[in-house]
Amino acid sequence: AERDQAALEQAAVLEKRELEFEEAKSKLQIQEQSLRRREALCTEREQELKQQASRARLEAQASRQVDQSKARQASISSTSEPAGVAGAIASSILQDMEIGERSQVTLTDLGLSQISGL
Protein backbone atom coordinates (compact mmCIF):
# COMPACT_ATOMS: atom_id res chain seq x y z
CA ALA A 1 0.00 0.00 0.00
CA GLU A 2 2.84 2.41 0.82
CA ARG A 3 4.54 1.49 -2.41
CA ASP A 4 1.39 2.20 -4.35
CA GLN A 5 0.99 5.54 -2.58
CA ALA A 6 4.63 6.46 -3.27
CA ALA A 7 4.26 5.43 -6.91
CA LEU A 8 1.09 7.52 -7.23
CA GLU A 9 2.79 10.54 -5.68
CA GLN A 10 5.80 10.11 -7.97
CA ALA A 11 3.48 9.78 -10.99
CA ALA A 12 1.67 12.96 -9.93
CA VAL A 13 4.99 14.82 -9.61
CA LEU A 14 6.09 13.58 -13.05
CA GLU A 15 2.75 14.57 -14.56
CA LYS A 16 3.05 18.03 -13.00
CA ARG A 17 6.60 18.41 -14.39
CA GLU A 18 5.41 17.26 -17.82
CA LEU A 19 2.66 19.92 -17.78
CA GLU A 20 5.20 22.58 -16.72
CA PHE A 21 7.48 21.41 -19.52
CA GLU A 22 4.66 21.64 -22.10
CA GLU A 23 3.74 25.15 -20.85
CA ALA A 24 7.35 26.27 -21.13
CA LYS A 25 7.59 24.74 -24.60
CA SER A 26 4.39 26.53 -25.64
CA LYS A 27 5.71 29.86 -24.32
CA LEU A 28 8.96 29.37 -26.23
CA GLN A 29 7.04 28.63 -29.44
CA ILE A 30 5.02 31.82 -28.98
CA GLN A 31 8.23 33.81 -28.38
CA GLU A 32 9.82 32.19 -31.44
CA GLN A 33 6.81 33.20 -33.60
CA SER A 34 6.99 36.72 -32.23
CA LEU A 35 10.71 36.92 -33.01
CA ARG A 36 10.11 35.64 -36.55
CA ARG A 37 7.45 38.32 -37.10
CA ARG A 38 9.84 40.97 -35.79
CA GLU A 39 12.59 39.63 -38.03
CA ALA A 40 10.26 39.79 -41.05
CA LEU A 41 9.29 43.37 -40.18
CA CYS A 42 12.95 44.33 -39.76
CA THR A 43 13.82 42.75 -43.09
CA GLU A 44 10.96 44.61 -44.75
CA ARG A 45 12.04 47.90 -43.16
CA GLU A 46 15.63 47.26 -44.21
CA GLN A 47 14.49 46.83 -47.83
CA GLU A 48 12.46 50.03 -47.65
CA LEU A 49 15.44 51.95 -46.27
CA LYS A 50 17.73 50.54 -48.96
CA GLN A 51 15.25 51.64 -51.62
CA GLN A 52 15.01 55.11 -50.07
CA ALA A 53 18.80 55.37 -49.94
CA SER A 54 19.03 54.29 -53.57
CA ARG A 55 16.43 56.87 -54.62
CA ALA A 56 18.24 59.55 -52.61
CA ARG A 57 21.54 58.68 -54.31
CA LEU A 58 19.90 58.85 -57.74
CA GLU A 59 18.24 62.18 -56.90
CA ALA A 60 21.54 63.59 -55.62
CA GLN A 61 23.31 62.40 -58.76
CA ALA A 62 20.62 63.94 -60.98
CA SER A 63 20.81 67.18 -58.98
CA ARG A 64 24.60 67.29 -59.40
CA GLN A 65 24.22 66.71 -63.13
CA VAL A 66 21.67 69.52 -63.37
CA ASP A 67 23.94 71.81 -61.34
CA GLN A 68 26.91 70.93 -63.55
CA SER A 69 24.84 71.52 -66.67
CA LYS A 70 23.66 74.90 -65.36
CA ALA A 71 27.24 75.81 -64.46
CA ARG A 72 28.41 74.87 -67.96
CA GLN A 73 25.60 76.87 -69.53
CA ALA A 74 26.40 79.86 -67.32
CA SER A 75 30.07 79.55 -68.20
CA ILE A 76 29.30 79.32 -71.90
CA SER A 77 26.85 82.21 -71.82
CA SER A 78 29.20 84.42 -69.79
CA THR A 79 32.12 83.73 -72.13
CA SER A 80 30.04 83.96 -75.29
CA GLU A 81 28.32 87.24 -74.46
CA PRO A 82 30.16 90.11 -76.13
CA ALA A 83 31.50 92.76 -73.82
CA GLY A 84 30.60 96.37 -74.48
CA VAL A 85 30.71 98.24 -77.79
CA ALA A 86 33.67 96.29 -79.19
CA GLY A 87 31.81 93.05 -78.58
CA ALA A 88 28.67 94.39 -80.23
CA ILE A 89 30.66 95.46 -83.29
CA ALA A 90 32.48 92.11 -83.49
CA SER A 91 29.18 90.29 -83.08
CA SER A 92 27.58 92.34 -85.83
CA ILE A 93 30.51 91.74 -88.18
CA LEU A 94 30.45 88.01 -87.45
CA GLN A 95 26.72 87.86 -88.18
CA ASP A 96 27.26 89.74 -91.44
CA MET A 97 30.01 87.28 -92.35
CA GLU A 98 27.80 84.29 -91.54
CA ILE A 99 25.01 85.45 -93.83
CA GLY A 100 27.44 86.50 -96.56
CA GLU A 101 27.00 90.27 -96.42
CA ARG A 102 30.55 91.09 -95.32
CA SER A 103 33.66 89.91 -97.09
CA GLN A 104 37.42 90.15 -96.50
CA VAL A 105 37.24 90.53 -92.74
CA THR A 106 40.14 88.82 -91.01
CA LEU A 107 40.45 87.42 -87.51
CA THR A 108 42.90 90.21 -86.77
CA ASP A 109 40.21 92.73 -87.73
CA LEU A 110 37.96 91.12 -85.15
CA GLY A 111 40.69 90.94 -82.51
CA LEU A 112 40.53 87.14 -82.49
CA SER A 113 43.93 86.36 -84.00
CA GLN A 114 45.48 85.50 -80.62
CA ILE A 115 42.97 82.75 -79.86
CA SER A 116 44.50 79.34 -80.48
CA GLY A 117 42.63 76.99 -82.78
CA LEU A 118 41.25 79.75 -85.05
C-alpha atoms as a PDB file:
ATOM      1  CA  ALA A   1       0.000   0.000   0.000  1.00  0.00           C
ATOM      2  CA  GLU A   2       2.841   2.406   0.818  1.00  0.00           C
ATOM      3  CA  ARG A   3       4.544   1.490  -2.414  1.00  0.00           C
ATOM      4  CA  ASP A   4       1.390   2.200  -4.348  1.00  0.00           C
ATOM      5  CA  GLN A   5       0.987   5.536  -2.577  1.00  0.00           C
ATOM      6  CA  ALA A   6       4.627   6.462  -3.268  1.00  0.00           C
ATOM      7  CA  ALA A   7       4.259   5.431  -6.906  1.00  0.00           C
ATOM      8  CA  LEU A   8       1.091   7.516  -7.231  1.00  0.00           C
ATOM      9  CA  GLU A   9       2.794  10.538  -5.685  1.00  0.00           C
ATOM     10  CA  GLN A  10       5.796  10.110  -7.971  1.00  0.00           C
ATOM     11  CA  ALA A  11       3.481   9.776 -10.993  1.00  0.00           C
ATOM     12  CA  ALA A  12       1.674  12.960  -9.935  1.00  0.00           C
ATOM     13  CA  VAL A  13       4.987  14.819  -9.615  1.00  0.00           C
ATOM     14  CA  LEU A  14       6.088  13.577 -13.050  1.00  0.00           C
ATOM     15  CA  GLU A  15       2.749  14.569 -14.561  1.00  0.00           C
ATOM     16  CA  LYS A  16       3.054  18.034 -13.005  1.00  0.00           C
ATOM     17  CA  ARG A  17       6.597  18.412 -14.393  1.00  0.00           C
ATOM     18  CA  GLU A  18       5.410  17.261 -17.823  1.00  0.00           C
ATOM     19  CA  LEU A  19       2.662  19.920 -17.776  1.00  0.00           C
ATOM     20  CA  GLU A  20       5.202  22.579 -16.722  1.00  0.00           C
ATOM     21  CA  PHE A  21       7.485  21.408 -19.524  1.00  0.00           C
ATOM     22  CA  GLU A  22       4.658  21.644 -22.098  1.00  0.00           C
ATOM     23  CA  GLU A  23       3.735  25.146 -20.852  1.00  0.00           C
ATOM     24  CA  ALA A  24       7.352  26.274 -21.127  1.00  0.00           C
ATOM     25  CA  LYS A  25       7.595  24.739 -24.599  1.00  0.00           C
ATOM     26  CA  SER A  26       4.391  26.527 -25.645  1.00  0.00           C
ATOM     27  CA  LYS A  27       5.706  29.864 -24.324  1.00  0.00           C
ATOM     28  CA  LEU A  28       8.959  29.366 -26.227  1.00  0.00           C
ATOM     29  CA  GLN A  29       7.045  28.628 -29.438  1.00  0.00           C
ATOM     30  CA  ILE A  30       5.024  31.825 -28.977  1.00  0.00           C
ATOM     31  CA  GLN A  31       8.225  33.810 -28.383  1.00  0.00           C
ATOM     32  CA  GLU A  32       9.815  32.192 -31.441  1.00  0.00           C
ATOM     33  CA  GLN A  33       6.806  33.199 -33.602  1.00  0.00           C
ATOM     34  CA  SER A  34       6.989  36.721 -32.229  1.00  0.00           C
ATOM     35  CA  LEU A  35      10.705  36.922 -33.010  1.00  0.00           C
ATOM     36  CA  ARG A  36      10.105  35.643 -36.551  1.00  0.00           C
ATOM     37  CA  ARG A  37       7.450  38.324 -37.104  1.00  0.00           C
ATOM     38  CA  ARG A  38       9.842  40.971 -35.794  1.00  0.00           C
ATOM     39  CA  GLU A  39      12.593  39.634 -38.028  1.00  0.00           C
ATOM     40  CA  ALA A  40      10.265  39.789 -41.055  1.00  0.00           C
ATOM     41  CA  LEU A  41       9.290  43.373 -40.177  1.00  0.00           C
ATOM     42  CA  CYS A  42      12.948  44.335 -39.756  1.00  0.00           C
ATOM     43  CA  THR A  43      13.823  42.753 -43.095  1.00  0.00           C
ATOM     44  CA  GLU A  44      10.956  44.609 -44.753  1.00  0.00           C
ATOM     45  CA  ARG A  45      12.038  47.896 -43.158  1.00  0.00           C
ATOM     46  CA  GLU A  46      15.631  47.257 -44.214  1.00  0.00           C
ATOM     47  CA  GLN A  47      14.492  46.829 -47.831  1.00  0.00           C
ATOM     48  CA  GLU A  48      12.461  50.032 -47.646  1.00  0.00           C
ATOM     49  CA  LEU A  49      15.441  51.946 -46.266  1.00  0.00           C
ATOM     50  CA  LYS A  50      17.731  50.544 -48.957  1.00  0.00           C
ATOM     51  CA  GLN A  51      15.254  51.642 -51.625  1.00  0.00           C
ATOM     52  CA  GLN A  52      15.009  55.114 -50.065  1.00  0.00           C
ATOM     53  CA  ALA A  53      18.797  55.373 -49.943  1.00  0.00           C
ATOM     54  CA  SER A  54      19.032  54.291 -53.571  1.00  0.00           C
ATOM     55  CA  ARG A  55      16.430  56.871 -54.617  1.00  0.00           C
ATOM     56  CA  ALA A  56      18.237  59.553 -52.606  1.00  0.00           C
ATOM     57  CA  ARG A  57      21.540  58.677 -54.307  1.00  0.00           C
ATOM     58  CA  LEU A  58      19.901  58.850 -57.736  1.00  0.00           C
ATOM     59  CA  GLU A  59      18.245  62.184 -56.899  1.00  0.00           C
ATOM     60  CA  ALA A  60      21.542  63.585 -55.619  1.00  0.00           C
ATOM     61  CA  GLN A  61      23.308  62.399 -58.756  1.00  0.00           C
ATOM     62  CA  ALA A  62      20.620  63.943 -60.978  1.00  0.00           C
ATOM     63  CA  SER A  63      20.814  67.178 -58.984  1.00  0.00           C
ATOM     64  CA  ARG A  64      24.603  67.287 -59.395  1.00  0.00           C
ATOM     65  CA  GLN A  65      24.224  66.714 -63.131  1.00  0.00           C
ATOM     66  CA  VAL A  66      21.667  69.522 -63.370  1.00  0.00           C
ATOM     67  CA  ASP A  67      23.939  71.814 -61.342  1.00  0.00           C
ATOM     68  CA  GLN A  68      26.911  70.928 -63.551  1.00  0.00           C
ATOM     69  CA  SER A  69      24.839  71.523 -66.672  1.00  0.00           C
ATOM     70  CA  LYS A  70      23.660  74.898 -65.361  1.00  0.00           C
ATOM     71  CA  ALA A  71      27.239  75.808 -64.456  1.00  0.00           C
ATOM     72  CA  ARG A  72      28.414  74.870 -67.958  1.00  0.00           C
ATOM     73  CA  GLN A  73      25.601  76.873 -69.529  1.00  0.00           C
ATOM     74  CA  ALA A  74      26.399  79.860 -67.315  1.00  0.00           C
ATOM     75  CA  SER A  75      30.073  79.546 -68.201  1.00  0.00           C
ATOM     76  CA  ILE A  76      29.299  79.324 -71.897  1.00  0.00           C
ATOM     77  CA  SER A  77      26.854  82.210 -71.818  1.00  0.00           C
ATOM     78  CA  SER A  78      29.199  84.416 -69.792  1.00  0.00           C
ATOM     79  CA  THR A  79      32.115  83.729 -72.126  1.00  0.00           C
ATOM     80  CA  SER A  80      30.042  83.959 -75.286  1.00  0.00           C
ATOM     81  CA  GLU A  81      28.323  87.236 -74.457  1.00  0.00           C
ATOM     82  CA  PRO A  82      30.157  90.106 -76.129  1.00  0.00           C
ATOM     83  CA  ALA A  83      31.495  92.762 -73.818  1.00  0.00           C
ATOM     84  CA  GLY A  84      30.598  96.366 -74.484  1.00  0.00           C
ATOM     85  CA  VAL A  85      30.712  98.238 -77.792  1.00  0.00           C
ATOM     86  CA  ALA A  86      33.668  96.294 -79.188  1.00  0.00           C
ATOM     87  CA  GLY A  87      31.814  93.046 -78.581  1.00  0.00           C
ATOM     88  CA  ALA A  88      28.669  94.393 -80.227  1.00  0.00           C
ATOM     89  CA  ILE A  89      30.656  95.462 -83.290  1.00  0.00           C
ATOM     90  CA  ALA A  90      32.476  92.109 -83.488  1.00  0.00           C
ATOM     91  CA  SER A  91      29.180  90.290 -83.081  1.00  0.00           C
ATOM     92  CA  SER A  92      27.584  92.339 -85.832  1.00  0.00           C
ATOM     93  CA  ILE A  93      30.505  91.741 -88.175  1.00  0.00           C
ATOM     94  CA  LEU A  94      30.446  88.007 -87.450  1.00  0.00           C
ATOM     95  CA  GLN A  95      26.722  87.865 -88.181  1.00  0.00           C
ATOM     96  CA  ASP A  96      27.256  89.739 -91.439  1.00  0.00           C
ATOM     97  CA  MET A  97      30.006  87.279 -92.351  1.00  0.00           C
ATOM     98  CA  GLU A  98      27.802  84.289 -91.541  1.00  0.00           C
ATOM     99  CA  ILE A  99      25.013  85.448 -93.831  1.00  0.00           C
ATOM    100  CA  GLY A 100      27.436  86.498 -96.555  1.00  0.00           C
ATOM    101  CA  GLU A 101      27.005  90.273 -96.424  1.00  0.00           C
ATOM    102  CA  ARG A 102      30.548  91.091 -95.322  1.00  0.00           C
ATOM    103  CA  SER A 103      33.662  89.907 -97.095  1.00  0.00           C
ATOM    104  CA  GLN A 104      37.415  90.153 -96.503  1.00  0.00           C
ATOM    105  CA  VAL A 105      37.235  90.535 -92.736  1.00  0.00           C
ATOM    106  CA  THR A 106      40.144  88.820 -91.013  1.00  0.00           C
ATOM    107  CA  LEU A 107      40.448  87.415 -87.512  1.00  0.00           C
ATOM    108  CA  THR A 108      42.896  90.214 -86.770  1.00  0.00           C
ATOM    109  CA  ASP A 109      40.211  92.730 -87.728  1.00  0.00           C
ATOM    110  CA  LEU A 110      37.958  91.117 -85.147  1.00  0.00           C
ATOM    111  CA  GLY A 111      40.688  90.935 -82.505  1.00  0.00           C
ATOM    112  CA  LEU A 112      40.535  87.136 -82.489  1.00  0.00           C
ATOM    113  CA  SER A 113      43.930  86.359 -84.000  1.00  0.00           C
ATOM    114  CA  GLN A 114      45.484  85.501 -80.619  1.00  0.00           C
ATOM    115  CA  ILE A 115      42.973  82.747 -79.857  1.00  0.00           C
ATOM    116  CA  SER A 116      44.499  79.340 -80.479  1.00  0.00           C
ATOM    117  CA  GLY A 117      42.632  76.989 -82.781  1.00  0.00           C
ATOM    118  CA  LEU A 118      41.248  79.747 -85.048  1.00  0.00           C
END
